[in-house]
Amino acid sequence: MDLDQLHTFLEIVRLKSFSKAALTCYRTQPAISAQIRQVEQELNCSLFERLGTRIELTPAGKIFAEYAEQILDLRRRAQDAINELERVPRGELVIAANEATCIYVLPTVFSEFKQLFPNVQLMVDRNYGRHVVDAVMDNLADFGFTQLPVQEKKLQVLPIHTDEIKLILPVGHPLAGRAEVRCEDLAGQMLLLPKAGTTRSRVNAWLEPVEDRVQISMELDSTEMIKRFVLAGMGVSFLASSHFQEGLEAGQFAAASLAPEPLMRRLGLVYRRDKALSKAGLGFIQVVMERARQATVPVPVNSVVGVEK
């Protein structure tokens, strides 16, 4: 049974005539008669009584007519809802991002997006590292902000920002006056390190020559906590420069590049290639990319890219 058969049936009911219904349905009378026979066979009952030149609904036909009207009404309502969705998108988007992105990026991006799509609900899946990619791959999130490169071929990757991971120190620290430091300079220093993530892996690799002399003061899972603990003199740490720039300009922190080569990070927006993007989804990409084009260091939102810890 299909919707066209239901439409034909209801036209016959409305016009009380197979021949008239054939005209409005743009079919021959034998064709619509065949449609009704197929429905009756499927329901295992007669829908019409032929009374000479007149037709009437059987008791089963009256019941079926009520449900057929409801089914076609639901179909119309579904189509109207879909059409309305194109005009005024609604629903939700789930964004996988780490803490730094949630603090420095998403408030501004979400604000701009909500002005364009006020009926779309935005949800945050707070995560970092590989978990962001997994969330997008598993369709638990529509978009993710993560550090590049991303090797998943099923993901579309939009580079958004390049930033530098620097050593962040309290202003009174002995190394505070240096433009750059080598791993040997941190031997014996108390370090505040992110618990996990791409940045932690890259910092570990940079510290490998002195790993037997590394002293870890604390491992933290929060960018803001790291900054607070650096201010409190608990140790030195490694953060993307855009996430402590305001404190640097305010004289709260000192910073140094990592030698012999600066430790750069490339960040991007990722989403599944095979996922059909709604108008709201396309709008979210547009907002993020526009922010990326407008942003310049040290504006925090230039991590439209979420710092990987």
Protein backbone atom coordinates (compact mmCIF):
# COMPACT_ATOMS: atom_id res chain seq x y z
CA MET A 1 0.00 0.00 0.00
CA ASP A 2 1.34 3.44 -0.89
CA LEU A 3 0.31 7.06 -0.48
CA ASP A 4 -0.90 7.30 -4.07
CA GLN A 5 -3.37 4.49 -3.45
CA LEU A 6 -4.65 6.29 -0.35
CA HIS A 7 -5.09 9.49 -2.34
CA THR A 8 -7.03 7.64 -5.05
CA PHE A 9 -9.24 5.96 -2.45
CA LEU A 10 -10.10 9.26 -0.77
CA GLU A 11 -10.87 10.90 -4.11
CA ILE A 12 -13.37 8.14 -4.81
CA VAL A 13 -14.88 8.68 -1.36
CA ARG A 14 -15.07 12.45 -1.91
CA LEU A 15 -16.59 12.28 -5.39
CA LYS A 16 -18.60 9.07 -4.82
CA SER A 17 -17.55 7.98 -8.30
CA PHE A 18 -14.74 5.93 -9.81
CA SER A 19 -15.02 7.71 -13.15
CA LYS A 20 -14.85 11.20 -11.64
CA ALA A 21 -11.93 10.18 -9.43
CA ALA A 22 -10.15 8.88 -12.53
CA LEU A 23 -10.31 12.37 -14.02
CA THR A 24 -8.97 14.17 -10.92
CA CYS A 25 -6.22 11.55 -10.49
CA TYR A 26 -5.28 11.71 -14.21
CA ARG A 27 -5.71 7.97 -14.62
CA THR A 28 -8.05 5.67 -16.46
CA GLN A 29 -10.95 4.16 -14.58
CA PRO A 30 -9.54 0.61 -14.93
CA ALA A 31 -6.26 1.87 -13.41
CA ILE A 32 -7.87 3.27 -10.28
CA SER A 33 -10.13 0.22 -9.99
CA ALA A 34 -6.98 -1.90 -10.00
CA GLN A 35 -5.50 0.28 -7.25
CA ILE A 36 -8.54 -0.20 -5.04
CA ARG A 37 -8.51 -3.98 -5.65
CA GLN A 38 -4.88 -4.09 -4.51
CA VAL A 39 -5.76 -2.22 -1.32
CA GLU A 40 -8.76 -4.47 -0.66
CA GLN A 41 -6.62 -7.55 -1.18
CA GLU A 42 -4.04 -6.26 1.27
CA LEU A 43 -6.71 -5.42 3.86
CA ASN A 44 -8.64 -8.62 3.09
CA CYS A 45 -11.95 -6.79 2.98
CA SER A 46 -14.20 -4.79 0.65
CA LEU A 47 -14.08 -1.01 0.93
CA PHE A 48 -17.04 -0.14 -1.35
CA GLU A 49 -20.52 -1.46 -1.95
CA ARG A 50 -21.81 -1.09 -5.49
CA LEU A 51 -25.48 -0.18 -5.39
CA GLY A 52 -26.46 0.03 -9.03
CA THR A 53 -24.88 3.25 -10.33
CA ARG A 54 -24.04 4.41 -6.79
CA ILE A 55 -21.21 3.40 -4.48
CA GLU A 56 -21.12 3.50 -0.70
CA LEU A 57 -18.43 2.79 1.83
CA THR A 58 -18.63 -0.50 3.70
CA PRO A 59 -18.17 -0.37 7.50
CA ALA A 60 -14.53 -1.35 6.93
CA GLY A 61 -14.26 1.35 4.26
CA LYS A 62 -15.49 4.01 6.69
CA ILE A 63 -12.85 3.01 9.24
CA PHE A 64 -10.15 2.90 6.59
CA ALA A 65 -11.17 6.33 5.26
CA GLU A 66 -10.56 7.90 8.68
CA TYR A 67 -7.08 6.44 8.92
CA ALA A 68 -6.25 7.24 5.30
CA GLU A 69 -7.09 10.90 5.95
CA GLN A 70 -4.87 10.89 9.04
CA ILE A 71 -2.00 9.30 7.13
CA LEU A 72 -2.16 11.82 4.29
CA ASP A 73 -2.54 14.66 6.80
CA LEU A 74 0.61 13.49 8.58
CA ARG A 75 2.37 13.35 5.23
CA ARG A 76 1.33 16.97 4.51
CA ARG A 77 2.41 18.08 7.97
CA ALA A 78 5.77 16.34 7.53
CA GLN A 79 6.30 18.12 4.22
CA ASP A 80 5.29 21.45 5.74
CA ALA A 81 7.72 20.91 8.64
CA ILE A 82 10.53 20.12 6.22
CA ASN A 83 9.73 23.18 4.11
CA GLU A 84 9.65 25.29 7.25
CA LEU A 85 13.00 23.82 8.26
CA GLU A 86 14.54 25.21 5.11
CA ARG A 87 13.01 28.61 5.75
CA VAL A 88 13.56 28.73 9.53
CA PRO A 89 16.05 25.98 10.47
CA ARG A 90 15.52 24.32 13.82
CA GLY A 91 16.81 21.28 15.66
CA GLU A 92 20.24 21.00 17.27
CA LEU A 93 23.94 20.88 16.47
CA VAL A 94 26.41 19.08 18.71
CA ILE A 95 29.93 20.52 18.83
CA ALA A 96 32.84 18.51 20.22
CA ALA A 97 35.51 20.80 21.64
CA ASN A 98 38.02 21.03 24.44
CA GLU A 99 37.89 23.39 27.39
CA ALA A 100 39.92 26.16 25.79
CA THR A 101 37.60 26.21 22.79
CA CYS A 102 34.57 26.31 25.07
CA ILE A 103 35.99 29.33 26.90
CA TYR A 104 37.68 31.33 24.15
CA VAL A 105 35.87 30.38 20.96
CA LEU A 106 32.38 29.01 21.33
CA PRO A 107 30.74 31.92 23.17
CA THR A 108 31.50 34.32 20.31
CA VAL A 109 30.81 31.79 17.56
CA PHE A 110 27.59 30.65 19.22
CA SER A 111 26.45 34.25 19.67
CA GLU A 112 26.91 35.04 15.98
CA PHE A 113 25.33 31.76 14.95
CA LYS A 114 22.25 32.26 17.15
CA GLN A 115 21.62 35.63 15.54
CA LEU A 116 21.34 33.82 12.21
CA PHE A 117 19.61 30.65 13.46
CA PRO A 118 17.71 31.47 16.66
CA ASN A 119 15.70 28.24 16.62
CA VAL A 120 18.69 25.89 16.45
CA GLN A 121 19.89 24.55 19.78
CA LEU A 122 23.65 24.28 20.22
CA MET A 123 25.10 21.55 22.43
CA VAL A 124 28.71 21.16 23.59
CA ASP A 125 30.44 17.81 23.97
CA ARG A 126 33.41 18.93 26.10
CA ASN A 127 36.32 16.72 25.11
CA TYR A 128 39.80 16.88 23.65
CA GLY A 129 42.38 15.06 21.60
CA ARG A 130 41.38 11.88 19.84
CA HIS A 131 38.02 11.89 21.59
CA VAL A 132 36.89 14.88 19.51
CA VAL A 133 37.61 12.99 16.28
CA ASP A 134 35.94 9.85 17.63
CA ALA A 135 32.81 11.81 18.58
CA VAL A 136 32.48 13.13 15.02
CA MET A 137 33.28 9.75 13.45
CA ASP A 138 30.67 8.03 15.63
CA ASN A 139 28.04 10.69 14.81
CA LEU A 140 27.90 11.76 18.44
CA ALA A 141 28.85 15.26 17.33
CA ASP A 142 28.14 17.17 14.13
CA PHE A 143 31.38 19.17 14.25
CA GLY A 144 34.65 19.03 16.11
CA PHE A 145 37.50 21.44 16.80
CA THR A 146 40.83 19.65 16.98
CA GLN A 147 44.55 19.94 16.42
CA LEU A 148 45.83 18.89 13.00
CA PRO A 149 46.81 16.74 11.26
CA VAL A 150 43.76 14.49 11.28
CA GLN A 151 44.29 11.26 9.37
CA GLU A 152 40.69 10.07 9.07
CA LYS A 153 39.83 10.02 5.36
CA LYS A 154 36.12 10.07 6.12
CA LEU A 155 36.41 13.51 7.67
CA GLN A 156 36.38 16.87 5.94
CA VAL A 157 39.08 19.02 7.53
CA LEU A 158 39.02 22.82 7.33
CA PRO A 159 42.25 24.42 8.61
CA ILE A 160 41.32 27.45 10.66
CA HIS A 161 44.29 28.74 12.58
CA THR A 162 48.00 28.37 13.18
CA ASP A 163 49.31 29.21 16.62
CA GLU A 164 52.46 28.68 18.69
CA ILE A 165 52.76 26.62 21.83
CA LYS A 166 54.99 28.54 24.23
CA LEU A 167 56.43 28.19 27.69
CA ILE A 168 54.35 30.26 30.10
CA LEU A 169 56.02 31.50 33.28
CA PRO A 170 55.33 33.83 36.19
CA VAL A 171 56.94 37.22 35.59
CA GLY A 172 59.49 36.77 38.40
CA HIS A 173 60.81 33.44 37.13
CA PRO A 174 64.56 33.22 36.32
CA LEU A 175 63.74 32.24 32.72
CA ALA A 176 61.19 35.03 32.27
CA GLY A 177 63.52 37.32 30.35
CA ARG A 178 64.38 34.84 27.60
CA ALA A 179 62.94 34.91 24.11
CA GLU A 180 63.37 31.15 23.78
CA VAL A 181 64.28 28.17 25.91
CA ARG A 182 65.70 24.73 25.24
CA CYS A 183 64.60 21.56 26.93
CA GLU A 184 67.86 21.55 28.94
CA ASP A 185 66.81 24.84 30.50
CA LEU A 186 63.83 23.13 32.09
CA ALA A 187 65.75 20.28 33.69
CA GLY A 188 64.96 20.49 37.38
CA GLN A 189 62.14 23.02 36.87
CA MET A 190 58.70 22.26 38.29
CA LEU A 191 56.33 21.65 35.39
CA LEU A 192 52.56 21.97 35.21
CA LEU A 193 51.45 19.75 32.34
CA PRO A 194 48.12 18.96 30.68
CA LYS A 195 47.01 15.45 31.56
CA ALA A 196 46.59 14.26 28.00
CA GLY A 197 46.09 15.34 24.41
CA THR A 198 48.13 16.26 21.36
CA THR A 199 49.94 19.16 23.01
CA ARG A 200 51.00 16.92 25.91
CA SER A 201 52.37 14.35 23.45
CA ARG A 202 54.34 16.99 21.56
CA VAL A 203 55.69 18.52 24.76
CA ASN A 204 56.73 15.06 25.97
CA ALA A 205 58.64 14.55 22.72
CA TRP A 206 60.32 17.96 23.10
CA LEU A 207 61.34 17.10 26.70
CA GLU A 208 62.55 13.61 25.82
CA PRO A 209 66.30 14.48 25.92
CA VAL A 210 65.91 15.48 29.59
CA GLU A 211 63.04 13.20 30.58
CA ASP A 212 65.06 11.67 33.43
CA ARG A 213 65.42 15.15 34.94
CA VAL A 214 61.87 16.38 34.37
CA GLN A 215 59.98 17.26 37.53
CA ILE A 216 56.23 17.34 37.14
CA SER A 217 54.57 19.46 39.78
CA MET A 218 51.01 18.70 38.69
CA GLU A 219 49.03 17.30 35.76
CA LEU A 220 45.90 19.34 35.06
CA ASP A 221 42.99 18.96 32.69
CA SER A 222 42.09 22.65 32.53
CA THR A 223 43.75 25.52 30.69
CA GLU A 224 42.40 28.01 33.21
CA MET A 225 43.73 25.95 36.11
CA ILE A 226 47.16 25.84 34.50
CA LYS A 227 47.22 29.62 34.20
CA ARG A 228 46.08 30.07 37.80
CA PHE A 229 48.71 27.67 39.11
CA VAL A 230 51.45 29.35 37.07
CA LEU A 231 50.40 32.67 38.61
CA ALA A 232 50.58 31.06 42.04
CA GLY A 233 54.19 30.04 41.41
CA MET A 234 53.47 26.30 41.31
CA GLY A 235 55.55 25.82 38.17
CA VAL A 236 55.86 26.63 34.47
CA SER A 237 53.73 25.21 31.70
CA PHE A 238 53.03 25.06 27.97
CA LEU A 239 50.03 26.74 26.36
CA ALA A 240 48.95 28.09 23.01
CA SER A 241 49.95 31.75 22.98
CA SER A 242 46.46 32.97 22.08
CA HIS A 243 45.11 31.56 25.33
CA PHE A 244 47.25 33.61 27.67
CA GLN A 245 47.83 36.67 25.49
CA GLU A 246 45.62 38.91 27.62
CA GLY A 247 47.54 37.94 30.74
CA LEU A 248 50.81 38.50 28.91
CA GLU A 249 49.78 42.00 27.87
CA ALA A 250 48.58 42.72 31.39
CA GLY A 251 52.01 41.80 32.77
CA GLN A 252 50.77 38.71 34.59
CA PHE A 253 52.84 36.22 32.61
CA ALA A 254 56.08 35.91 30.71
CA ALA A 255 56.49 33.62 27.73
CA ALA A 256 59.25 32.05 25.67
CA SER A 257 59.36 30.12 22.43
CA LEU A 258 60.63 26.56 22.44
CA ALA A 259 63.98 26.00 20.73
CA PRO A 260 65.57 24.96 18.49
CA GLU A 261 62.35 25.21 16.44
CA PRO A 262 59.10 26.87 17.56
CA LEU A 263 56.41 24.38 18.45
CA MET A 264 53.56 25.28 16.11
CA ARG A 265 50.04 23.90 16.13
CA ARG A 266 47.57 23.83 13.27
CA LEU A 267 43.94 23.68 14.24
CA GLY A 268 40.85 22.88 12.29
CA LEU A 269 37.14 22.23 12.09
CA VAL A 270 36.21 18.64 11.20
CA TYR A 271 32.99 16.93 10.13
CA ARG A 272 32.03 13.76 8.25
CA ARG A 273 32.31 13.93 4.47
CA ASP A 274 29.33 11.62 3.99
CA LYS A 275 27.00 13.53 6.29
CA ALA A 276 24.25 15.57 4.66
CA LEU A 277 24.60 19.06 6.10
CA SER A 278 21.49 20.99 6.99
CA LYS A 279 21.14 24.68 6.30
CA ALA A 280 22.04 25.25 9.95
CA GLY A 281 25.15 23.07 9.61
CA LEU A 282 26.31 24.97 6.56
CA GLY A 283 25.63 28.19 8.44
CA PHE A 284 27.78 27.05 11.34
CA ILE A 285 30.71 26.38 8.99
CA GLN A 286 30.24 29.81 7.44
CA VAL A 287 30.30 31.54 10.85
CA VAL A 288 33.42 29.66 11.95
CA MET A 289 35.28 30.36 8.72
CA GLU A 290 34.31 34.03 8.77
CA ARG A 291 35.61 34.33 12.33
CA ALA A 292 38.82 32.62 11.23
CA ARG A 293 39.29 35.10 8.39
CA GLN A 294 38.67 38.08 10.65
CA ALA A 295 40.75 36.88 13.59
CA THR A 296 44.35 37.89 14.06
CA VAL A 297 46.65 37.03 16.93
CA PRO A 298 46.20 37.76 19.78
CA VAL A 299 42.41 37.83 19.57
CA PRO A 300 41.33 34.72 21.51
CA VAL A 301 38.72 33.66 18.98
CA ASN A 302 41.43 32.92 16.47
CA SER A 303 41.45 29.53 18.10
CA VAL A 304 38.17 29.04 16.36
CA VAL A 305 39.96 25.90 16.52
CA GLY A 306 40.01 24.74 19.95
CA VAL A 307 43.32 24.27 21.59
CA GLU A 308 44.23 20.66 21.90
CA LYS A 309 45.63 20.05 25.34
